[in-house]
Amino acid sequence: MKKAIILDLDNTIYPVSSISGNLFEAVFGFVDTLAEEIGAEEIEKAKAEMQRRPYQQVAEKFNFSETAKNKGLDLLKDLEYALPMRPYEEYKYISETPIDKYLVTTGFTKLQWSKIRLLGIEADFKGIYIVDPQISSETKKDIFTMIMSNNNYRPEELLVIGDDPESEIKAAGSLGIDTFLFDPEDRHADAVVTHSSKSLKDAVLVFM
């Protein structure tokens, strides 16, 4: 049995696809204007990637010019979501389980907090940490280390639950923390991970 779990937010507690049309309308419209700069095919890939990765990483991966990158940042930095949101149905099995929970998510601070409040999950967590590349150089690995230090957890007493093998899963693995990859579409069959499942409910069997 684990003493605590650390969860990601986007595509782990709720599906980004459920809000992306409304949330990213202005940003996607801006990205469409970059077709001549990076190519029409790359535009669609970039928009899909924005639903899974922080904007800064997407801009770098697809070689946005500095001007384009900054325009996107200006559109996103003060963005908040205001429409109804719902977590994945199976998240209830995690939220109802009596164990210390921490939320560690990467993104723009205002936007991430607006989603947390709309989902009604703030009270589920002992601590909530937003890794915002615009205001800090801290990483998820830094936050995981801090959580362990502040609460006297050993790596083997924790489980990190997330959807991205290159983000929270990789950071946890580097610290010797067990990982649970939530992979409902079987996108990451070759990921280096302790546990993996299409079902979020299965995570409970791992940490209890």
Protein backbone atom coordinates (compact mmCIF):
# COMPACT_ATOMS: atom_id res chain seq x y z
CA MET A 1 0.00 0.00 0.00
CA LYS A 2 1.24 3.49 -0.88
CA LYS A 3 1.19 6.43 1.53
CA ALA A 4 0.35 9.02 -1.12
CA ILE A 5 -0.41 9.47 -4.81
CA ILE A 6 0.49 12.30 -7.17
CA LEU A 7 -1.81 12.99 -10.11
CA ASP A 8 -1.52 14.94 -13.32
CA LEU A 9 -4.57 16.99 -14.41
CA ASP A 10 -4.98 17.26 -18.18
CA ASN A 11 -5.97 13.96 -19.85
CA THR A 12 -5.63 12.21 -16.50
CA ILE A 13 -8.49 13.60 -14.40
CA TYR A 14 -10.49 14.89 -17.37
CA PRO A 15 -10.18 14.68 -21.19
CA VAL A 16 -8.81 17.84 -22.80
CA SER A 17 -10.79 16.98 -25.93
CA SER A 18 -13.98 17.76 -23.99
CA ILE A 19 -13.08 21.46 -23.76
CA SER A 20 -10.48 22.10 -26.47
CA GLY A 21 -12.92 23.39 -29.08
CA ASN A 22 -14.09 26.21 -26.83
CA LEU A 23 -10.87 26.71 -24.90
CA PHE A 24 -8.46 26.92 -27.79
CA GLU A 25 -10.69 28.55 -30.42
CA ALA A 26 -8.74 31.81 -30.53
CA VAL A 27 -5.36 30.09 -30.24
CA PHE A 28 -6.17 27.53 -32.94
CA GLY A 29 -7.30 30.40 -35.17
CA PHE A 30 -3.95 32.07 -34.63
CA VAL A 31 -2.04 28.83 -35.27
CA ASP A 32 -3.92 28.46 -38.57
CA THR A 33 -2.32 31.72 -39.72
CA LEU A 34 1.10 30.08 -39.43
CA ALA A 35 0.44 27.65 -42.30
CA GLU A 36 2.81 29.48 -44.62
CA GLU A 37 5.49 29.57 -41.93
CA ILE A 38 5.44 25.91 -40.84
CA GLY A 39 3.20 24.12 -43.37
CA ALA A 40 -0.48 23.13 -43.35
CA GLU A 41 0.19 19.54 -42.34
CA GLU A 42 2.32 20.63 -39.40
CA ILE A 43 -0.42 23.03 -38.29
CA GLU A 44 -2.85 20.16 -37.66
CA LYS A 45 -0.18 18.19 -35.82
CA ALA A 46 0.63 21.23 -33.67
CA LYS A 47 -3.03 21.74 -32.74
CA ALA A 48 -3.37 18.08 -31.77
CA GLU A 49 -0.18 18.30 -29.72
CA MET A 50 -1.47 21.37 -27.87
CA GLN A 51 -4.16 19.16 -26.34
CA ARG A 52 -1.47 16.98 -24.75
CA ARG A 53 1.59 19.17 -24.11
CA PRO A 54 2.34 22.68 -22.80
CA TYR A 55 2.22 25.39 -25.46
CA GLN A 56 5.89 26.27 -24.99
CA GLN A 57 6.93 22.71 -25.85
CA VAL A 58 4.67 22.65 -28.91
CA ALA A 59 6.01 25.99 -30.18
CA GLU A 60 9.57 24.70 -29.85
CA LYS A 61 8.85 21.32 -31.42
CA PHE A 62 7.20 22.85 -34.48
CA ASN A 63 9.72 25.67 -34.84
CA PHE A 64 7.40 28.62 -34.29
CA SER A 65 9.21 31.89 -34.87
CA GLU A 66 9.87 33.98 -31.76
CA THR A 67 7.14 36.40 -32.86
CA ALA A 68 4.62 33.60 -33.32
CA LYS A 69 5.58 31.96 -30.04
CA ASN A 70 5.09 35.22 -28.13
CA LYS A 71 1.74 35.93 -29.82
CA GLY A 72 0.47 32.54 -28.67
CA LEU A 73 1.75 33.18 -25.16
CA ASP A 74 -0.08 36.51 -25.07
CA LEU A 75 -3.32 34.75 -26.03
CA LEU A 76 -2.91 32.03 -23.41
CA LYS A 77 -1.33 33.65 -20.35
CA ASP A 78 -4.53 35.25 -19.02
CA LEU A 79 -6.96 32.70 -20.44
CA GLU A 80 -9.49 31.13 -18.08
CA TYR A 81 -12.12 28.50 -18.80
CA ALA A 82 -15.69 29.26 -17.76
CA LEU A 83 -17.94 26.50 -19.13
CA PRO A 84 -19.05 23.37 -17.23
CA MET A 85 -16.48 20.59 -16.89
CA ARG A 86 -16.64 16.99 -15.71
CA PRO A 87 -13.87 14.60 -14.71
CA TYR A 88 -13.56 11.14 -16.18
CA GLU A 89 -16.26 8.91 -14.71
CA GLU A 90 -13.65 6.60 -13.17
CA TYR A 91 -11.91 9.45 -11.35
CA LYS A 92 -14.49 9.01 -8.57
CA TYR A 93 -12.80 5.76 -7.53
CA ILE A 94 -9.60 7.67 -6.89
CA SER A 95 -11.22 10.70 -5.24
CA GLU A 96 -13.22 8.49 -2.86
CA THR A 97 -10.19 6.46 -1.74
CA PRO A 98 -8.75 7.60 1.63
CA ILE A 99 -5.13 8.34 0.78
CA ASP A 100 -3.09 11.56 0.65
CA LYS A 101 -3.34 13.02 -2.84
CA TYR A 102 -1.32 15.72 -4.57
CA LEU A 103 -2.03 17.41 -7.89
CA VAL A 104 0.93 18.47 -10.02
CA THR A 105 0.12 19.99 -13.40
CA THR A 106 1.97 22.02 -16.01
CA GLY A 107 0.35 25.01 -17.67
CA PHE A 108 -0.65 28.64 -17.33
CA THR A 109 -1.55 29.37 -13.70
CA LYS A 110 -4.89 31.14 -14.28
CA LEU A 111 -6.07 28.55 -16.77
CA GLN A 112 -5.12 25.55 -14.65
CA TRP A 113 -6.79 26.98 -11.55
CA SER A 114 -9.97 27.77 -13.48
CA LYS A 115 -10.16 24.13 -14.61
CA ILE A 116 -9.47 22.78 -11.11
CA ARG A 117 -12.31 24.85 -9.66
CA LEU A 118 -14.77 24.01 -12.43
CA LEU A 119 -14.05 20.30 -11.96
CA GLY A 120 -14.79 20.67 -8.25
CA ILE A 121 -11.70 18.70 -7.23
CA GLU A 122 -9.78 21.22 -5.11
CA ALA A 123 -10.80 19.57 -1.82
CA ASP A 124 -9.54 16.17 -3.01
CA PHE A 125 -5.90 17.18 -2.62
CA LYS A 126 -3.53 17.76 0.26
CA GLY A 127 -1.48 19.96 -2.06
CA ILE A 128 -1.91 21.48 -5.52
CA TYR A 129 1.10 22.60 -7.55
CA ILE A 130 1.07 24.31 -10.94
CA VAL A 131 4.31 24.22 -12.91
CA ASP A 132 4.08 27.39 -15.01
CA PRO A 133 7.09 27.79 -17.34
CA GLN A 134 6.23 31.48 -17.75
CA ILE A 135 6.93 32.30 -14.12
CA SER A 136 9.31 29.60 -12.87
CA SER A 137 11.99 27.22 -14.05
CA GLU A 138 10.73 24.53 -11.66
CA THR A 139 9.84 21.18 -13.19
CA LYS A 140 7.55 18.35 -12.14
CA LYS A 141 10.63 16.50 -10.93
CA ASP A 142 11.44 19.43 -8.65
CA ILE A 143 7.91 19.39 -7.24
CA PHE A 144 7.97 15.62 -6.67
CA THR A 145 11.25 16.01 -4.80
CA MET A 146 9.78 18.81 -2.68
CA ILE A 147 6.69 16.75 -1.82
CA MET A 148 8.90 13.90 -0.65
CA SER A 149 11.13 16.21 1.39
CA ASN A 150 8.30 18.18 3.02
CA ASN A 151 6.31 15.08 3.98
CA ASN A 152 9.09 12.57 4.69
CA TYR A 153 7.90 10.19 1.96
CA ARG A 154 10.27 7.63 0.52
CA PRO A 155 10.06 7.00 -3.25
CA GLU A 156 8.63 3.51 -2.72
CA GLU A 157 5.75 5.02 -0.70
CA LEU A 158 4.46 7.06 -3.64
CA LEU A 159 2.67 6.45 -6.93
CA VAL A 160 2.53 8.99 -9.77
CA ILE A 161 -0.52 8.74 -12.04
CA GLY A 162 -0.47 10.45 -15.43
CA ASP A 163 -0.91 10.17 -19.17
CA ASP A 164 2.42 11.43 -20.53
CA PRO A 165 5.45 9.10 -20.60
CA GLU A 166 7.73 12.07 -21.33
CA SER A 167 6.49 14.28 -18.50
CA GLU A 168 5.30 13.16 -15.06
CA ILE A 169 5.98 9.46 -15.78
CA LYS A 170 9.60 10.12 -16.79
CA ALA A 171 10.16 12.52 -13.89
CA ALA A 172 8.83 10.02 -11.36
CA GLY A 173 10.86 7.16 -12.82
CA SER A 174 14.06 9.19 -12.51
CA LEU A 175 13.37 9.52 -8.78
CA GLY A 176 12.60 5.85 -8.25
CA ILE A 177 8.86 6.45 -7.81
CA ASP A 178 6.41 3.86 -9.17
CA THR A 179 4.25 5.07 -12.04
CA PHE A 180 0.79 4.37 -13.42
CA LEU A 181 0.26 5.36 -17.04
CA PHE A 182 -3.38 6.07 -17.87
CA ASP A 183 -3.51 5.22 -21.58
CA PRO A 184 -7.14 4.85 -22.69
CA GLU A 185 -6.28 4.88 -26.41
CA ASP A 186 -3.23 2.59 -26.22
CA ARG A 187 -1.00 5.37 -27.54
CA HIS A 188 2.08 4.39 -25.53
CA ALA A 189 2.47 0.62 -25.71
CA ASP A 190 6.27 0.87 -25.47
CA ALA A 191 6.44 3.37 -22.61
CA VAL A 192 8.79 2.73 -19.70
CA VAL A 193 6.33 2.57 -16.82
CA THR A 194 5.63 0.48 -13.71
CA HIS A 195 1.92 -0.01 -14.43
CA SER A 196 -0.29 0.87 -17.39
CA SER A 197 -4.00 0.57 -18.11
CA LYS A 198 -6.84 1.92 -20.21
CA SER A 199 -8.84 2.22 -16.99
CA LEU A 200 -8.20 4.86 -14.34
CA LYS A 201 -10.00 2.64 -11.84
CA ASP A 202 -7.14 0.13 -12.06
CA ALA A 203 -4.84 2.64 -10.37
CA VAL A 204 -6.69 2.06 -7.09
CA LEU A 205 -5.64 -1.60 -7.16
CA VAL A 206 -2.02 -0.45 -7.37
CA PHE A 207 -1.92 2.01 -4.47
CA MET A 208 -4.29 0.28 -2.02
